[in-house]
Amino acid sequence: MKYTVAIVFLLTLSLQLKAQDGGMRVYAGITSMVNNDKIANPDGHSHSGFHVGADGRLMSGTMAFLVGARYTSVSRVARDEFKLSGHSSTVSVLNGRVGLDLSLYRFTSFARIRTKALASFDINLSETGNPLPPPGFVFNDGWFGLVTGLGADIGPAIIDIEYEFGILNAYNMKKESNFNSLTFSVGFFF
């Protein structure tokens, strides 16, 4: 009971925050990554999994500077089914992100629709398990992408849909092997 009262109190108190003010957001969600190389990633297949992260929003108003980090864990080999976790082989990635957060429409002092434009520096942290990618497909230490998306802030709650356009190749010595990813996240802003 005391946890319920504390949660209700914190949510009520946090509704006094304005959606555009600077602060920190923490979030988690689902990730689906598709590689442009058709041998490593046949049509209809994706690298699926989850992510958790935190972004700092600096400055207030209709535009803010965003800097953050996200941990992503997805299947190491592309699959034809979406699976959040429990893969027999995984790749773990640290995404360093920096860019702009822009308000599109403000409904009230604590609710708005927003977009973003970010650069994402994706660092390959580890690869585990079997099966392995096709022969000759070795992940680079990292890759780079550009991120855009739509989000909503309703009091302290946030919802985001993001798309990352891969720029640098993810596989060593393989042209056109960049990852594009689609993510859905929910979290809190404080």
Protein backbone atom coordinates (compact mmCIF):
# COMPACT_ATOMS: atom_id res chain seq x y z
CA MET A 1 0.00 0.00 0.00
CA LYS A 2 2.78 2.42 0.87
CA TYR A 3 4.34 1.86 -2.59
CA THR A 4 1.03 2.67 -4.30
CA VAL A 5 0.66 5.88 -2.27
CA ALA A 6 4.28 6.86 -3.05
CA ILE A 7 3.83 6.23 -6.79
CA VAL A 8 0.56 8.19 -6.93
CA PHE A 9 2.19 11.05 -4.99
CA LEU A 10 5.23 11.17 -7.28
CA LEU A 11 3.12 11.06 -10.45
CA THR A 12 0.84 13.82 -9.16
CA LEU A 13 3.81 15.95 -8.15
CA SER A 14 5.55 15.39 -11.48
CA LEU A 15 2.52 16.60 -13.44
CA GLN A 16 3.57 20.07 -12.32
CA LEU A 17 6.60 19.79 -14.64
CA LYS A 18 6.42 21.37 -18.07
CA ALA A 19 7.11 18.99 -20.94
CA GLN A 20 9.73 21.25 -22.56
CA ASP A 21 11.89 21.92 -19.51
CA GLY A 22 15.39 20.54 -19.36
CA GLY A 23 15.97 17.31 -17.48
CA MET A 24 16.60 13.60 -17.87
CA ARG A 25 14.49 10.89 -19.48
CA VAL A 26 14.90 7.18 -18.86
CA TYR A 27 13.25 4.68 -21.16
CA ALA A 28 13.08 1.10 -22.40
CA GLY A 29 11.57 -0.52 -25.43
CA ILE A 30 11.76 -2.86 -28.40
CA THR A 31 14.24 -2.75 -31.30
CA SER A 32 14.15 -4.17 -34.81
CA MET A 33 17.31 -3.80 -36.92
CA VAL A 34 17.59 -4.65 -40.63
CA ASN A 35 20.92 -4.85 -42.45
CA ASN A 36 21.06 -3.78 -46.10
CA ASP A 37 23.20 -6.81 -47.04
CA LYS A 38 20.76 -9.44 -48.35
CA ILE A 39 23.08 -12.38 -47.54
CA ALA A 40 23.39 -11.40 -43.87
CA ASN A 41 19.79 -10.21 -43.70
CA PRO A 42 17.37 -11.94 -46.13
CA ASP A 43 14.09 -10.20 -46.96
CA GLY A 44 11.53 -10.49 -44.16
CA HIS A 45 14.19 -11.08 -41.49
CA SER A 46 15.42 -8.74 -38.76
CA HIS A 47 17.66 -8.56 -35.70
CA SER A 48 15.12 -8.10 -32.89
CA GLY A 49 15.51 -7.37 -29.21
CA PHE A 50 15.29 -4.65 -26.56
CA HIS A 51 16.95 -1.42 -25.45
CA VAL A 52 17.24 0.71 -22.30
CA GLY A 53 18.63 4.21 -22.15
CA ALA A 54 18.82 7.70 -20.71
CA ASP A 55 18.90 11.05 -22.49
CA GLY A 56 19.58 14.48 -21.04
CA ARG A 57 17.53 17.35 -22.44
CA LEU A 58 19.41 20.63 -22.07
CA MET A 59 17.61 24.01 -22.35
CA SER A 60 13.92 24.75 -22.31
CA GLY A 61 11.44 25.93 -24.89
CA THR A 62 10.59 24.63 -28.34
CA MET A 63 14.11 23.35 -29.06
CA ALA A 64 16.50 21.49 -26.76
CA PHE A 65 19.92 19.89 -27.08
CA LEU A 66 19.80 16.12 -26.47
CA VAL A 67 22.70 13.93 -25.36
CA GLY A 68 22.41 10.36 -24.14
CA ALA A 69 23.32 6.70 -24.19
CA ARG A 70 21.37 3.54 -24.88
CA TYR A 71 22.16 -0.16 -24.41
CA THR A 72 20.72 -2.40 -27.15
CA SER A 73 20.68 -6.21 -27.24
CA VAL A 74 19.45 -7.93 -30.42
CA SER A 75 19.74 -11.30 -32.11
CA ARG A 76 23.15 -11.79 -33.71
CA VAL A 77 21.63 -13.51 -36.75
CA ALA A 78 18.58 -12.14 -38.60
CA ARG A 79 15.39 -14.09 -37.91
CA ASP A 80 11.95 -14.18 -39.53
CA GLU A 81 10.20 -13.75 -36.16
CA PHE A 82 10.32 -10.94 -33.63
CA LYS A 83 11.70 -12.02 -30.27
CA LEU A 84 12.37 -9.62 -27.40
CA SER A 85 14.95 -11.75 -25.55
CA GLY A 86 16.13 -15.33 -25.11
CA HIS A 87 18.11 -15.47 -28.36
CA SER A 88 20.68 -18.26 -28.71
CA SER A 89 23.14 -15.65 -30.01
CA THR A 90 23.16 -11.91 -29.35
CA VAL A 91 25.03 -8.74 -30.16
CA SER A 92 25.15 -5.97 -27.54
CA VAL A 93 25.54 -2.37 -28.68
CA LEU A 94 26.14 0.92 -26.83
CA ASN A 95 24.52 3.81 -28.71
CA GLY A 96 25.96 7.26 -27.95
CA ARG A 97 23.46 9.87 -29.14
CA VAL A 98 23.61 13.64 -29.63
CA GLY A 99 21.33 16.09 -31.44
CA LEU A 100 18.22 18.27 -31.23
CA ASP A 101 14.74 17.73 -29.76
CA LEU A 102 12.04 19.97 -31.30
CA SER A 103 8.46 20.64 -30.17
CA LEU A 104 5.92 20.26 -32.97
CA TYR A 105 2.71 20.95 -31.06
CA ARG A 106 2.00 21.83 -27.45
CA PHE A 107 -1.44 20.84 -26.13
CA THR A 108 -1.09 22.08 -22.55
CA SER A 109 1.73 23.06 -20.21
CA PHE A 110 2.52 19.35 -19.67
CA ALA A 111 1.62 17.65 -22.98
CA ARG A 112 3.29 17.96 -26.37
CA ILE A 113 4.21 16.20 -29.61
CA ARG A 114 7.89 16.42 -30.57
CA THR A 115 10.45 15.25 -33.11
CA LYS A 116 14.20 14.81 -33.01
CA ALA A 117 17.29 14.77 -35.19
CA LEU A 118 20.23 12.84 -33.70
CA ALA A 119 23.59 11.36 -34.63
CA SER A 120 24.08 7.87 -33.18
CA PHE A 121 27.53 6.38 -32.61
CA ASP A 122 26.93 2.65 -32.18
CA ILE A 123 29.70 0.67 -30.45
CA ASN A 124 29.72 -3.15 -30.63
CA LEU A 125 30.19 -4.25 -27.00
CA SER A 126 29.97 -8.03 -27.34
CA GLU A 127 28.80 -10.95 -29.43
CA THR A 128 27.75 -14.22 -27.81
CA GLY A 129 26.39 -17.63 -28.68
CA ASN A 130 25.62 -19.66 -31.77
CA PRO A 131 24.58 -19.66 -34.58
CA LEU A 132 27.16 -17.38 -36.15
CA PRO A 133 26.51 -14.95 -39.01
CA PRO A 134 27.23 -16.27 -42.53
CA PRO A 135 30.93 -16.99 -43.29
CA GLY A 136 32.94 -13.82 -43.92
CA PHE A 137 30.52 -11.59 -41.99
CA VAL A 138 32.42 -10.13 -39.03
CA PHE A 139 30.96 -7.15 -37.14
CA ASN A 140 32.99 -3.95 -37.09
CA ASP A 141 33.81 -2.41 -33.70
CA GLY A 142 31.11 0.15 -34.36
CA TRP A 143 29.00 1.98 -36.90
CA PHE A 144 27.19 5.29 -37.29
CA GLY A 145 23.66 6.40 -38.08
CA LEU A 146 21.25 9.33 -38.17
CA VAL A 147 18.09 9.16 -36.07
CA THR A 148 14.72 10.84 -36.46
CA GLY A 149 11.36 10.10 -34.90
CA LEU A 150 8.19 11.27 -33.20
CA GLY A 151 7.48 11.39 -29.51
CA ALA A 152 4.88 12.52 -27.03
CA ASP A 153 5.31 13.87 -23.52
CA ILE A 154 2.30 13.62 -21.20
CA GLY A 155 3.38 14.91 -17.82
CA PRO A 156 6.30 12.71 -16.80
CA ALA A 157 5.43 9.88 -19.25
CA ILE A 158 7.13 9.68 -22.65
CA ILE A 159 6.46 7.61 -25.76
CA ASP A 160 8.85 7.52 -28.73
CA ILE A 161 9.07 5.92 -32.16
CA GLU A 162 12.48 6.33 -33.79
CA TYR A 163 14.09 5.32 -37.07
CA GLU A 164 17.88 5.15 -37.47
CA PHE A 165 19.30 5.42 -40.98
CA GLY A 166 22.59 3.50 -41.05
CA ILE A 167 25.50 5.42 -42.60
CA LEU A 168 28.62 3.32 -41.91
CA ASN A 169 28.89 -0.40 -42.64
CA ALA A 170 28.36 -2.79 -39.72
CA TYR A 171 30.25 -5.73 -41.23
CA ASN A 172 34.00 -5.60 -41.86
CA MET A 173 34.92 -5.31 -45.57
CA LYS A 174 31.27 -5.61 -46.66
CA LYS A 175 29.88 -2.72 -48.70
CA GLU A 176 26.25 -1.73 -48.19
CA SER A 177 26.07 -3.53 -44.82
CA ASN A 178 24.68 -0.67 -42.76
CA PHE A 179 21.91 -1.25 -40.19
CA ASN A 180 18.61 0.61 -40.28
CA SER A 181 16.57 0.27 -37.10
CA LEU A 182 13.08 0.97 -35.85
CA THR A 183 12.50 1.36 -32.11
CA PHE A 184 9.51 1.91 -29.84
CA SER A 185 10.16 3.24 -26.32
CA VAL A 186 8.25 4.24 -23.21
CA GLY A 187 9.68 5.92 -20.15
CA PHE A 188 9.66 8.84 -17.71
CA PHE A 189 11.00 12.38 -17.79
CA PHE A 190 12.19 14.08 -14.61
